[in-house]
Amino acid sequence: MVKLLRIDDRLVHGQVALTWTPALGVDCLFVANDRVAKDEFLRMTLGLAKPAGSKLLIKSIADTVVYLNDGKNSGQQLLVLVDSVKDAHALVMGVAEIRSVNFGGIRVKAGAKSVSKALALTENDIVLIRELLAKGIELEARQVPTDKRQPIENLL
């Protein structure tokens, strides 16, 4: 079961390990990222950041869709982590169970505009966000679980 789909360009780090994991009661961090899935060094470094006692799975976006749609995996309590709006969009479109996306952190990059302290979005990101909103997906910004939920549409 996907407890949360979170967009955070740092993927696994202190906020995820120390606040989100216990707050959600997840037993597995699931990194869905094509680049990380192919890079042994990145997989190892993310493994060092995971909380003790938690499992870490790393798969490509396509393999994540297959995994999350396989009923035999439904017993796990998952925090799914992606690093972009594009990847979150692909998972939402491919996995009917996902009805909500948390925007945790997307740093400023070329072509992106800051919409909050922790989020910078490109025009393409905004197009994908509007598609998700039209589909009835909840999109909220929070860096940590104790923050007040802020609807993404209020930031656009």
N, C-alpha and C. Protein backbone atom coordinates (compact mmCIF):
# COMPACT_ATOMS: atom_id res chain seq x y z
N MET A 1 0.84 -1.18 0.00
CA MET A 1 0.00 0.00 0.00
C MET A 1 0.88 1.24 0.00
N VAL A 2 0.59 2.15 -0.89
CA VAL A 2 1.32 3.41 -0.96
C VAL A 2 0.73 4.35 0.09
N LYS A 3 1.50 4.62 1.13
CA LYS A 3 1.06 5.55 2.18
C LYS A 3 1.24 7.00 1.72
N LEU A 4 2.28 7.24 0.91
CA LEU A 4 2.55 8.59 0.42
C LEU A 4 3.43 8.51 -0.81
N LEU A 5 3.11 9.31 -1.80
CA LEU A 5 3.99 9.56 -2.94
C LEU A 5 4.54 10.97 -2.74
N ARG A 6 5.85 11.08 -2.60
CA ARG A 6 6.49 12.36 -2.29
C ARG A 6 7.48 12.73 -3.39
N ILE A 7 7.39 13.99 -3.82
CA ILE A 7 8.38 14.55 -4.74
C ILE A 7 9.41 15.29 -3.90
N ASP A 8 10.65 14.84 -4.00
CA ASP A 8 11.73 15.48 -3.27
C ASP A 8 13.00 15.20 -4.05
N ASP A 9 13.63 16.24 -4.58
CA ASP A 9 14.78 16.00 -5.46
C ASP A 9 15.99 15.45 -4.72
N ARG A 10 15.94 15.39 -3.39
CA ARG A 10 17.01 14.76 -2.62
C ARG A 10 16.71 13.28 -2.36
N LEU A 11 15.51 12.85 -2.65
CA LEU A 11 15.05 11.48 -2.47
C LEU A 11 15.12 11.07 -1.00
N VAL A 12 16.11 10.30 -0.58
CA VAL A 12 16.21 9.85 0.81
C VAL A 12 17.20 10.74 1.55
N HIS A 13 16.74 11.35 2.64
CA HIS A 13 17.59 12.23 3.45
C HIS A 13 16.98 12.33 4.85
N GLY A 14 17.52 13.19 5.68
CA GLY A 14 17.12 13.27 7.08
C GLY A 14 15.63 13.47 7.32
N GLN A 15 15.00 14.42 6.61
CA GLN A 15 13.56 14.65 6.80
C GLN A 15 12.76 13.39 6.51
N VAL A 16 13.13 12.69 5.49
CA VAL A 16 12.41 11.46 5.12
C VAL A 16 12.64 10.39 6.18
N ALA A 17 13.90 10.19 6.54
CA ALA A 17 14.24 9.12 7.48
C ALA A 17 13.73 9.38 8.89
N LEU A 18 13.84 10.62 9.35
CA LEU A 18 13.55 10.91 10.75
C LEU A 18 12.14 11.41 11.02
N THR A 19 11.47 11.97 10.02
CA THR A 19 10.12 12.48 10.28
C THR A 19 9.03 11.75 9.49
N TRP A 20 9.21 11.63 8.18
CA TRP A 20 8.14 11.02 7.38
C TRP A 20 7.99 9.53 7.65
N THR A 21 9.09 8.80 7.74
CA THR A 21 9.01 7.35 7.92
C THR A 21 8.24 6.98 9.19
N PRO A 22 8.59 7.53 10.36
CA PRO A 22 7.82 7.16 11.55
C PRO A 22 6.40 7.74 11.55
N ALA A 23 6.22 8.94 11.02
CA ALA A 23 4.88 9.55 11.02
C ALA A 23 3.89 8.74 10.19
N LEU A 24 4.38 8.15 9.11
CA LEU A 24 3.52 7.36 8.23
C LEU A 24 3.43 5.90 8.64
N GLY A 25 4.35 5.46 9.47
CA GLY A 25 4.39 4.05 9.85
C GLY A 25 4.75 3.14 8.70
N VAL A 26 5.65 3.59 7.84
CA VAL A 26 6.04 2.78 6.67
C VAL A 26 7.17 1.82 7.05
N ASP A 27 7.19 0.70 6.35
CA ASP A 27 8.27 -0.26 6.57
C ASP A 27 9.23 -0.32 5.38
N CYS A 28 8.93 0.47 4.34
CA CYS A 28 9.76 0.42 3.14
C CYS A 28 9.79 1.78 2.45
N LEU A 29 11.00 2.26 2.18
CA LEU A 29 11.19 3.43 1.33
C LEU A 29 11.39 2.91 -0.09
N PHE A 30 10.66 3.48 -1.02
CA PHE A 30 10.69 3.01 -2.40
C PHE A 30 11.09 4.18 -3.30
N VAL A 31 12.31 4.15 -3.80
CA VAL A 31 12.80 5.18 -4.69
C VAL A 31 12.48 4.77 -6.12
N ALA A 32 11.68 5.58 -6.80
CA ALA A 32 11.33 5.35 -8.20
C ALA A 32 12.07 6.38 -9.04
N ASN A 33 13.14 5.92 -9.69
CA ASN A 33 13.99 6.86 -10.43
C ASN A 33 14.83 6.09 -11.43
N ASP A 34 14.72 6.45 -12.70
CA ASP A 34 15.45 5.74 -13.75
C ASP A 34 16.96 5.85 -13.59
N ARG A 35 17.45 7.03 -13.26
CA ARG A 35 18.90 7.25 -13.14
C ARG A 35 19.48 6.46 -11.96
N VAL A 36 18.83 6.55 -10.81
CA VAL A 36 19.32 5.86 -9.62
C VAL A 36 19.26 4.34 -9.81
N ALA A 37 18.22 3.86 -10.47
CA ALA A 37 18.08 2.42 -10.68
C ALA A 37 19.26 1.84 -11.45
N LYS A 38 19.92 2.65 -12.27
CA LYS A 38 21.04 2.18 -13.09
C LYS A 38 22.41 2.47 -12.47
N ASP A 39 22.44 3.22 -11.36
CA ASP A 39 23.72 3.69 -10.82
C ASP A 39 24.01 3.06 -9.46
N GLU A 40 24.96 2.13 -9.44
CA GLU A 40 25.31 1.40 -8.22
C GLU A 40 25.74 2.34 -7.09
N PHE A 41 26.53 3.36 -7.40
CA PHE A 41 27.00 4.29 -6.38
C PHE A 41 25.84 5.07 -5.75
N LEU A 42 24.93 5.57 -6.57
CA LEU A 42 23.77 6.29 -6.02
C LEU A 42 22.90 5.37 -5.17
N ARG A 43 22.71 4.14 -5.62
CA ARG A 43 21.93 3.18 -4.83
C ARG A 43 22.57 2.95 -3.46
N MET A 44 23.90 2.83 -3.44
CA MET A 44 24.60 2.62 -2.18
C MET A 44 24.47 3.83 -1.26
N THR A 45 24.64 5.04 -1.79
CA THR A 45 24.55 6.23 -0.93
C THR A 45 23.14 6.43 -0.39
N LEU A 46 22.13 6.14 -1.17
CA LEU A 46 20.76 6.25 -0.65
C LEU A 46 20.51 5.20 0.43
N GLY A 47 21.11 4.05 0.27
CA GLY A 47 20.98 3.00 1.29
C GLY A 47 21.55 3.43 2.63
N LEU A 48 22.58 4.25 2.61
CA LEU A 48 23.18 4.74 3.85
C LEU A 48 22.26 5.72 4.57
N ALA A 49 21.37 6.38 3.84
CA ALA A 49 20.49 7.40 4.43
C ALA A 49 19.18 6.83 4.96
N LYS A 50 18.88 5.59 4.64
CA LYS A 50 17.60 5.02 5.07
C LYS A 50 17.61 4.75 6.57
N PRO A 51 16.45 4.83 7.21
CA PRO A 51 16.41 4.56 8.65
C PRO A 51 16.65 3.08 8.95
N ALA A 52 17.26 2.81 10.09
CA ALA A 52 17.49 1.43 10.52
C ALA A 52 16.15 0.72 10.64
N GLY A 53 16.13 -0.52 10.23
CA GLY A 53 14.90 -1.31 10.33
C GLY A 53 13.94 -1.12 9.17
N SER A 54 14.28 -0.22 8.25
CA SER A 54 13.43 -0.01 7.07
C SER A 54 14.08 -0.67 5.86
N LYS A 55 13.24 -1.11 4.97
CA LYS A 55 13.70 -1.69 3.72
C LYS A 55 13.81 -0.56 2.70
N LEU A 56 14.70 -0.69 1.73
CA LEU A 56 14.83 0.27 0.65
C LEU A 56 14.74 -0.47 -0.67
N LEU A 57 13.79 -0.08 -1.50
CA LEU A 57 13.68 -0.61 -2.85
C LEU A 57 13.96 0.53 -3.83
N ILE A 58 14.67 0.23 -4.90
CA ILE A 58 14.97 1.22 -5.93
C ILE A 58 14.66 0.58 -7.27
N LYS A 59 13.77 1.21 -8.02
CA LYS A 59 13.38 0.69 -9.32
C LYS A 59 13.19 1.84 -10.30
N SER A 60 13.23 1.52 -11.59
CA SER A 60 12.91 2.51 -12.61
C SER A 60 11.43 2.88 -12.51
N ILE A 61 11.04 3.93 -13.17
CA ILE A 61 9.63 4.35 -13.16
C ILE A 61 8.75 3.24 -13.73
N ALA A 62 9.13 2.68 -14.86
CA ALA A 62 8.33 1.62 -15.48
C ALA A 62 8.22 0.40 -14.57
N ASP A 63 9.33 -0.01 -13.95
CA ASP A 63 9.29 -1.16 -13.04
C ASP A 63 8.49 -0.85 -11.78
N THR A 64 8.49 0.40 -11.35
CA THR A 64 7.71 0.79 -10.18
C THR A 64 6.22 0.65 -10.46
N VAL A 65 5.78 1.06 -11.64
CA VAL A 65 4.37 0.92 -12.01
C VAL A 65 3.96 -0.56 -11.96
N VAL A 66 4.79 -1.42 -12.52
CA VAL A 66 4.50 -2.86 -12.50
C VAL A 66 4.44 -3.36 -11.07
N TYR A 67 5.42 -3.00 -10.26
CA TYR A 67 5.50 -3.46 -8.87
C TYR A 67 4.27 -3.01 -8.07
N LEU A 68 3.92 -1.73 -8.18
CA LEU A 68 2.81 -1.20 -7.39
C LEU A 68 1.45 -1.74 -7.84
N ASN A 69 1.35 -2.16 -9.08
CA ASN A 69 0.10 -2.74 -9.56
C ASN A 69 -0.02 -4.24 -9.31
N ASP A 70 1.05 -4.86 -8.81
CA ASP A 70 1.05 -6.29 -8.52
C ASP A 70 0.45 -6.51 -7.13
N GLY A 71 -0.69 -7.14 -7.07
CA GLY A 71 -1.40 -7.36 -5.82
C GLY A 71 -0.60 -8.05 -4.74
N LYS A 72 0.37 -8.86 -5.10
CA LYS A 72 1.15 -9.57 -4.08
C LYS A 72 2.04 -8.63 -3.27
N ASN A 73 2.20 -7.38 -3.71
CA ASN A 73 3.02 -6.41 -2.99
C ASN A 73 2.19 -5.46 -2.13
N SER A 74 0.88 -5.67 -2.08
CA SER A 74 -0.01 -4.73 -1.40
C SER A 74 0.11 -4.74 0.12
N GLY A 75 0.77 -5.73 0.70
CA GLY A 75 0.90 -5.80 2.15
C GLY A 75 1.95 -4.87 2.72
N GLN A 76 2.82 -4.34 1.87
CA GLN A 76 3.86 -3.43 2.34
C GLN A 76 3.30 -2.03 2.57
N GLN A 77 3.87 -1.34 3.54
CA GLN A 77 3.51 0.06 3.80
C GLN A 77 4.63 0.91 3.20
N LEU A 78 4.35 1.55 2.06
CA LEU A 78 5.39 2.19 1.25
C LEU A 78 5.33 3.72 1.28
N LEU A 79 6.51 4.32 1.38
CA LEU A 79 6.71 5.73 1.10
C LEU A 79 7.45 5.76 -0.23
N VAL A 80 6.76 6.19 -1.29
CA VAL A 80 7.35 6.22 -2.62
C VAL A 80 7.94 7.61 -2.86
N LEU A 81 9.20 7.63 -3.26
CA LEU A 81 9.94 8.87 -3.45
C LEU A 81 10.36 9.03 -4.90
N VAL A 82 10.04 10.18 -5.47
CA VAL A 82 10.48 10.54 -6.82
C VAL A 82 11.15 11.91 -6.74
N ASP A 83 11.90 12.26 -7.78
CA ASP A 83 12.59 13.55 -7.72
C ASP A 83 12.04 14.60 -8.67
N SER A 84 10.91 14.30 -9.33
CA SER A 84 10.37 15.27 -10.29
C SER A 84 8.86 15.15 -10.43
N VAL A 85 8.26 16.24 -10.87
CA VAL A 85 6.82 16.23 -11.16
C VAL A 85 6.54 15.25 -12.29
N LYS A 86 7.44 15.18 -13.27
CA LYS A 86 7.26 14.26 -14.41
C LYS A 86 7.14 12.81 -13.93
N ASP A 87 8.01 12.40 -13.01
CA ASP A 87 7.97 11.02 -12.52
C ASP A 87 6.73 10.78 -11.66
N ALA A 88 6.34 11.76 -10.84
CA ALA A 88 5.12 11.61 -10.04
C ALA A 88 3.91 11.47 -10.96
N HIS A 89 3.87 12.28 -12.02
CA HIS A 89 2.78 12.22 -12.99
C HIS A 89 2.71 10.82 -13.61
N ALA A 90 3.85 10.27 -14.01
CA ALA A 90 3.88 8.94 -14.62
C ALA A 90 3.35 7.89 -13.66
N LEU A 91 3.71 7.97 -12.39
CA LEU A 91 3.21 7.00 -11.42
C LEU A 91 1.72 7.14 -11.18
N VAL A 92 1.24 8.37 -11.05
CA VAL A 92 -0.20 8.58 -10.84
C VAL A 92 -0.99 8.04 -12.03
N MET A 93 -0.50 8.29 -13.23
CA MET A 93 -1.21 7.82 -14.43
C MET A 93 -1.16 6.30 -14.56
N GLY A 94 -0.12 5.68 -14.00
CA GLY A 94 0.04 4.24 -14.14
C GLY A 94 -0.46 3.40 -12.98
N VAL A 95 -0.73 4.04 -11.83
CA VAL A 95 -1.11 3.30 -10.62
C VAL A 95 -2.38 3.93 -10.05
N ALA A 96 -3.52 3.26 -10.22
CA ALA A 96 -4.81 3.82 -9.80
C ALA A 96 -4.89 4.09 -8.30
N GLU A 97 -4.13 3.34 -7.51
CA GLU A 97 -4.15 3.49 -6.05
C GLU A 97 -3.67 4.88 -5.60
N ILE A 98 -2.81 5.51 -6.37
CA ILE A 98 -2.22 6.80 -5.97
C ILE A 98 -3.21 7.92 -6.25
N ARG A 99 -3.70 8.55 -5.19
CA ARG A 99 -4.70 9.62 -5.31
C ARG A 99 -4.21 10.94 -4.72
N SER A 100 -2.96 10.94 -4.22
CA SER A 100 -2.43 12.13 -3.57
C SER A 100 -0.92 12.20 -3.79
N VAL A 101 -0.40 13.41 -3.93
CA VAL A 101 1.04 13.62 -4.10
C VAL A 101 1.48 14.72 -3.15
N ASN A 102 2.55 14.44 -2.41
CA ASN A 102 3.16 15.44 -1.53
C ASN A 102 4.35 16.06 -2.26
N PHE A 103 4.38 17.38 -2.29
CA PHE A 103 5.50 18.12 -2.85
C PHE A 103 6.38 18.53 -1.68
N GLY A 104 7.57 17.93 -1.58
CA GLY A 104 8.44 18.20 -0.45
C GLY A 104 9.54 19.19 -0.76
N GLY A 105 10.22 18.98 -1.86
CA GLY A 105 11.31 19.88 -2.21
C GLY A 105 11.78 19.69 -3.63
N ILE A 106 11.74 20.78 -4.39
CA ILE A 106 12.28 20.79 -5.75
C ILE A 106 13.09 22.08 -5.85
N ARG A 107 14.41 21.92 -5.88
CA ARG A 107 15.29 23.10 -5.90
C ARG A 107 15.23 23.84 -7.23
N VAL A 108 15.63 25.10 -7.17
CA VAL A 108 15.68 25.95 -8.35
C VAL A 108 16.67 25.38 -9.35
N LYS A 109 16.25 25.37 -10.61
CA LYS A 109 17.11 24.94 -11.71
C LYS A 109 16.78 25.81 -12.91
N ALA A 110 17.52 25.67 -13.97
CA ALA A 110 17.29 26.46 -15.18
C ALA A 110 15.85 26.30 -15.66
N GLY A 111 15.19 27.41 -15.89
CA GLY A 111 13.83 27.39 -16.41
C GLY A 111 12.75 27.22 -15.36
N ALA A 112 13.14 27.13 -14.08
CA ALA A 112 12.16 26.94 -13.01
C ALA A 112 11.96 28.25 -12.25
N LYS A 113 10.75 28.41 -11.73
CA LYS A 113 10.40 29.60 -10.97
C LYS A 113 10.01 29.16 -9.56
N SER A 114 10.54 29.84 -8.56
CA SER A 114 10.19 29.53 -7.17
C SER A 114 8.73 29.89 -6.91
N VAL A 115 7.99 28.92 -6.37
CA VAL A 115 6.59 29.16 -6.01
C VAL A 115 6.40 29.11 -4.49
N SER A 116 7.44 28.63 -3.79
CA SER A 116 7.44 28.62 -2.33
C SER A 116 8.90 28.49 -1.89
N LYS A 117 9.10 28.47 -0.58
CA LYS A 117 10.46 28.36 -0.03
C LYS A 117 11.17 27.09 -0.53
N ALA A 118 10.43 26.01 -0.73
CA ALA A 118 11.06 24.73 -1.06
C ALA A 118 10.75 24.22 -2.47
N LEU A 119 9.96 24.96 -3.23
CA LEU A 119 9.53 24.45 -4.54
C LEU A 119 9.81 25.43 -5.67
N ALA A 120 10.43 24.91 -6.72
CA ALA A 120 10.63 25.67 -7.95
C ALA A 120 10.10 24.81 -9.10
N LEU A 121 9.20 25.37 -9.88
CA LEU A 121 8.51 24.61 -10.93
C LEU A 121 8.78 25.21 -12.30
N THR A 122 8.88 24.33 -13.30
CA THR A 122 9.01 24.76 -14.69
C THR A 122 7.60 24.87 -15.29
N GLU A 123 7.52 25.43 -16.47
CA GLU A 123 6.23 25.50 -17.17
C GLU A 123 5.70 24.10 -17.45
N ASN A 124 6.58 23.17 -17.81
CA ASN A 124 6.14 21.80 -18.05
C ASN A 124 5.61 21.16 -16.77
N ASP A 125 6.26 21.43 -15.63
CA ASP A 125 5.76 20.94 -14.34
C ASP A 125 4.33 21.42 -14.12
N ILE A 126 4.08 22.69 -14.41
CA ILE A 126 2.76 23.29 -14.18
C ILE A 126 1.72 22.64 -15.09
N VAL A 127 2.08 22.34 -16.32
CA VAL A 127 1.16 21.63 -17.22
C VAL A 127 0.78 20.27 -16.63
N LEU A 128 1.78 19.53 -16.16
CA LEU A 128 1.53 18.21 -15.57
C LEU A 128 0.71 18.32 -14.29
N ILE A 129 0.98 19.32 -13.48
CA ILE A 129 0.21 19.55 -12.25
C ILE A 129 -1.25 19.81 -12.58
N ARG A 130 -1.50 20.63 -13.57
CA ARG A 130 -2.89 20.92 -13.97
C ARG A 130 -3.60 19.66 -14.46
N GLU A 131 -2.89 18.77 -15.15
CA GLU A 131 -3.48 17.49 -15.58
C GLU A 131 -3.86 16.65 -14.36
N LEU A 132 -2.98 16.61 -13.37
CA LEU A 132 -3.27 15.83 -12.17
C LEU A 132 -4.45 16.42 -11.40
N LEU A 133 -4.50 17.73 -11.30
CA LEU A 133 -5.62 18.38 -10.62
C LEU A 133 -6.93 18.08 -11.35
N ALA A 134 -6.90 18.12 -12.68
CA ALA A 134 -8.11 17.83 -13.47
C ALA A 134 -8.57 16.39 -13.27
N LYS A 135 -7.64 15.52 -12.94
CA LYS A 135 -7.96 14.11 -12.69
C LYS A 135 -8.47 13.89 -11.26
N GLY A 136 -8.46 14.96 -10.44
CA GLY A 136 -8.95 14.87 -9.07
C GLY A 136 -7.91 14.39 -8.07
N ILE A 137 -6.65 14.48 -8.43
CA ILE A 137 -5.56 14.06 -7.54
C ILE A 137 -5.28 15.20 -6.54
N GLU A 138 -5.14 14.84 -5.25
CA GLU A 138 -4.78 15.83 -4.24
C GLU A 138 -3.29 16.12 -4.37
N LEU A 139 -2.94 17.39 -4.49
CA LEU A 139 -1.55 17.82 -4.57
C LEU A 139 -1.29 18.81 -3.45
N GLU A 140 -0.40 18.44 -2.53
CA GLU A 140 -0.16 19.31 -1.38
C GLU A 140 1.32 19.46 -1.11
N ALA A 141 1.70 20.63 -0.59
CA ALA A 141 3.09 20.91 -0.26
C ALA A 141 3.26 20.88 1.25
N ARG A 142 4.24 20.10 1.69
CA ARG A 142 4.66 20.06 3.10
C ARG A 142 6.06 19.50 3.12
N GLN A 143 6.95 20.16 3.85
CA GLN A 143 8.30 19.61 3.96
C GLN A 143 8.34 18.51 5.00
N VAL A 144 7.64 18.69 6.11
CA VAL A 144 7.59 17.68 7.16
C VAL A 144 6.13 17.43 7.53
N PRO A 145 5.83 16.28 8.14
CA PRO A 145 4.44 15.93 8.42
C PRO A 145 3.69 16.91 9.32
N THR A 146 4.41 17.63 10.16
CA THR A 146 3.75 18.56 11.08
C THR A 146 3.41 19.91 10.43
N ASP A 147 3.94 20.17 9.23
CA ASP A 147 3.59 21.39 8.51
C ASP A 147 2.13 21.34 8.10
N LYS A 148 1.52 22.51 7.97
CA LYS A 148 0.15 22.60 7.47
C LYS A 148 0.16 22.27 5.97
N ARG A 149 -0.82 21.46 5.56
CA ARG A 149 -0.93 21.13 4.13
C ARG A 149 -1.24 22.41 3.34
N GLN A 150 -0.51 22.59 2.27
CA GLN A 150 -0.75 23.74 1.40
C GLN A 150 -1.10 23.22 0.01
N PRO A 151 -2.33 23.44 -0.44
CA PRO A 151 -2.70 22.96 -1.78
C PRO A 151 -1.81 23.59 -2.85
N ILE A 152 -1.29 22.76 -3.74
CA ILE A 152 -0.41 23.25 -4.80
C ILE A 152 -1.10 24.30 -5.67
N GLU A 153 -2.39 24.12 -5.90
CA GLU A 153 -3.07 25.09 -6.78
C GLU A 153 -3.01 26.51 -6.22
N ASN A 154 -2.84 26.64 -4.91
CA ASN A 154 -2.71 27.97 -4.31
C ASN A 154 -1.34 28.60 -4.57
N LEU A 155 -0.39 27.80 -5.02
CA LEU A 155 0.96 28.31 -5.28
C LEU A 155 1.19 28.66 -6.75
N LEU A 156 0.31 28.22 -7.62
CA LEU A 156 0.52 28.43 -9.05
C LEU A 156 0.17 29.85 -9.48
